[in-house]
């Protein structure tokens, strides 16, 4: 059976590298991990994973990205895949964007950059436990 997966989206490679290290350190091989540097890349990746019958449990998405804001991305994902748990990671999202994502994408939690590893892992663990 394919591994259940966590997807991380951020336009900064250093953030993705940090997320990857924290996830692997805390969850090891319990989950699969996928990383995307743009919303379009993430949407393509989601379709590929779904086609391969790989379940995406949770998405951690940046908010401020050049092509599309994180709230818009998460709303798009939610429209097609409402069961995926959605977490926004941001240093700059305004309250309206967070409220919109909560209402229209069922946003589970918004973490502020810089986040702590404990905060991230607890959020992911708690979010996945809701499934």
Protein backbone atom coordinates (compact mmCIF):
# COMPACT_ATOMS: atom_id res chain seq x y z
CA UNK A 1 0.00 0.00 0.00
CA UNK A 2 1.25 3.48 -0.85
CA UNK A 3 2.48 5.68 1.92
CA UNK A 4 0.24 8.42 3.26
CA UNK A 5 1.82 11.74 2.36
CA UNK A 6 2.40 15.24 3.68
CA UNK A 7 2.84 17.97 1.06
CA UNK A 8 4.73 21.21 1.73
CA UNK A 9 4.52 24.27 -0.51
CA UNK A 10 6.78 27.31 -0.24
CA UNK A 11 8.48 29.44 -2.86
CA UNK A 12 11.65 29.58 -0.72
CA UNK A 13 13.82 26.49 -1.00
CA UNK A 14 15.41 27.13 2.43
CA UNK A 15 11.97 26.91 4.06
CA UNK A 16 11.25 23.62 2.29
CA UNK A 17 14.63 22.26 3.39
CA UNK A 18 13.87 23.23 6.98
CA UNK A 19 10.39 21.64 6.84
CA UNK A 20 11.83 18.47 5.31
CA UNK A 21 14.40 18.12 8.10
CA UNK A 22 11.85 18.70 10.85
CA UNK A 23 9.33 16.26 9.35
CA UNK A 24 11.89 13.49 8.83
CA UNK A 25 13.38 14.01 12.29
CA UNK A 26 9.98 13.67 13.96
CA UNK A 27 8.05 11.26 11.75
CA UNK A 28 10.85 9.31 10.04
CA UNK A 29 9.45 6.95 7.46
CA UNK A 30 5.92 7.00 8.90
CA UNK A 31 4.78 9.24 6.01
CA UNK A 32 5.84 10.13 2.52
CA UNK A 33 6.88 13.74 1.94
CA UNK A 34 6.46 15.87 -1.16
CA UNK A 35 7.68 19.42 -1.71
CA UNK A 36 6.70 22.07 -4.25
CA UNK A 37 8.04 25.56 -4.91
CA UNK A 38 4.93 26.97 -6.60
CA UNK A 39 1.17 26.52 -6.36
CA UNK A 40 1.02 25.22 -9.94
CA UNK A 41 3.71 22.64 -9.18
CA UNK A 42 1.82 21.63 -6.02
CA UNK A 43 -1.49 21.27 -7.90
CA UNK A 44 0.20 19.07 -10.53
CA UNK A 45 1.82 17.02 -7.78
CA UNK A 46 -1.52 16.54 -6.02
CA UNK A 47 -3.07 15.23 -9.24
CA UNK A 48 -0.12 12.82 -9.76
CA UNK A 49 -0.36 11.50 -6.21
CA UNK A 50 -4.13 11.04 -6.48
CA UNK A 51 -3.66 9.20 -9.81
CA UNK A 52 -1.19 6.88 -8.04
CA UNK A 53 -3.69 6.29 -5.19
CA UNK A 54 -1.41 8.01 -2.69
CA UNK A 55 -3.43 9.66 0.06
CA UNK A 56 -2.43 13.23 0.92
CA UNK A 57 -3.17 13.70 4.60
CA UNK A 58 -2.01 17.25 5.13
CA UNK A 59 -0.69 20.27 3.25
CA UNK A 60 1.54 22.94 4.77
CA UNK A 61 1.40 25.99 2.50
CA UNK A 62 3.12 29.34 2.54
CA UNK A 63 0.84 32.33 2.08
CA UNK A 64 2.92 34.91 0.19
CA UNK A 65 3.96 33.48 -3.16
CA UNK A 66 4.37 35.21 -6.54
CA UNK A 67 1.75 33.40 -8.66
CA UNK A 68 -1.01 32.74 -6.15
CA UNK A 69 -1.56 33.47 -2.47
CA UNK A 70 -1.73 30.52 -0.10
CA UNK A 71 -5.37 31.09 0.80
CA UNK A 72 -6.33 30.93 -2.90
CA UNK A 73 -4.28 27.76 -3.34
CA UNK A 74 -5.84 26.07 -0.29
CA UNK A 75 -9.34 27.01 -1.43
CA UNK A 76 -8.64 25.40 -4.83
CA UNK A 77 -7.37 22.26 -3.11
CA UNK A 78 -10.36 22.17 -0.75
CA UNK A 79 -12.84 22.36 -3.63
CA UNK A 80 -11.47 19.10 -5.08
CA UNK A 81 -10.08 17.40 -1.97
CA UNK A 82 -12.01 18.57 1.09
CA UNK A 83 -10.61 15.86 3.40
CA UNK A 84 -6.99 17.05 3.20
CA UNK A 85 -5.99 18.90 6.38
CA UNK A 86 -4.72 22.38 5.51
CA UNK A 87 -2.12 24.41 7.42
CA UNK A 88 -0.90 27.85 6.38
CA UNK A 89 2.61 28.97 7.26
CA UNK A 90 3.22 32.67 6.97
CA UNK A 91 5.00 35.72 8.16
CA UNK A 92 2.77 38.10 6.26
CA UNK A 93 -0.80 36.88 5.79
CA UNK A 94 -3.39 39.43 6.72
CA UNK A 95 -6.29 38.53 8.98
CA UNK A 96 -8.74 38.65 6.08
CA UNK A 97 -6.76 36.03 4.13
CA UNK A 98 -6.61 33.75 7.17
CA UNK A 99 -10.34 34.18 7.83
CA UNK A 100 -11.09 33.48 4.17
CA UNK A 101 -8.99 30.30 4.25
CA UNK A 102 -10.70 29.19 7.47
CA UNK A 103 -14.13 29.71 5.94
CA UNK A 104 -13.58 28.60 2.33
CA UNK A 105 -10.77 26.02 2.68
CA UNK A 106 -11.50 24.68 6.16
CA UNK A 107 -8.04 25.86 7.24
CA UNK A 108 -6.98 23.84 10.25
CA UNK A 109 -4.33 26.19 11.56
CA UNK A 110 -2.17 29.17 10.63
CA UNK A 111 1.41 29.15 11.93
CA UNK A 112 3.51 32.29 11.96
CA UNK A 113 7.04 32.38 10.57
CA UNK A 114 9.40 31.81 12.23
CA UNK A 115 7.70 28.76 13.70
CA UNK A 116 9.11 26.38 16.27
CA UNK A 117 9.67 22.74 15.42
CA UNK A 118 7.51 21.70 18.37
CA UNK A 119 4.65 23.95 17.18
CA UNK A 120 4.86 22.55 13.63
CA UNK A 121 4.99 18.90 14.68
CA UNK A 122 2.18 19.28 17.23
CA UNK A 123 0.01 21.00 14.60
CA UNK A 124 0.66 18.23 12.06
CA UNK A 125 0.13 15.43 14.58
CA UNK A 126 -3.10 16.99 15.87
CA UNK A 127 -4.34 17.76 12.35
CA UNK A 128 -3.75 14.21 11.13
CA UNK A 129 -5.46 12.81 14.23
CA UNK A 130 -8.69 14.43 13.03
CA UNK A 131 -8.80 12.19 9.95
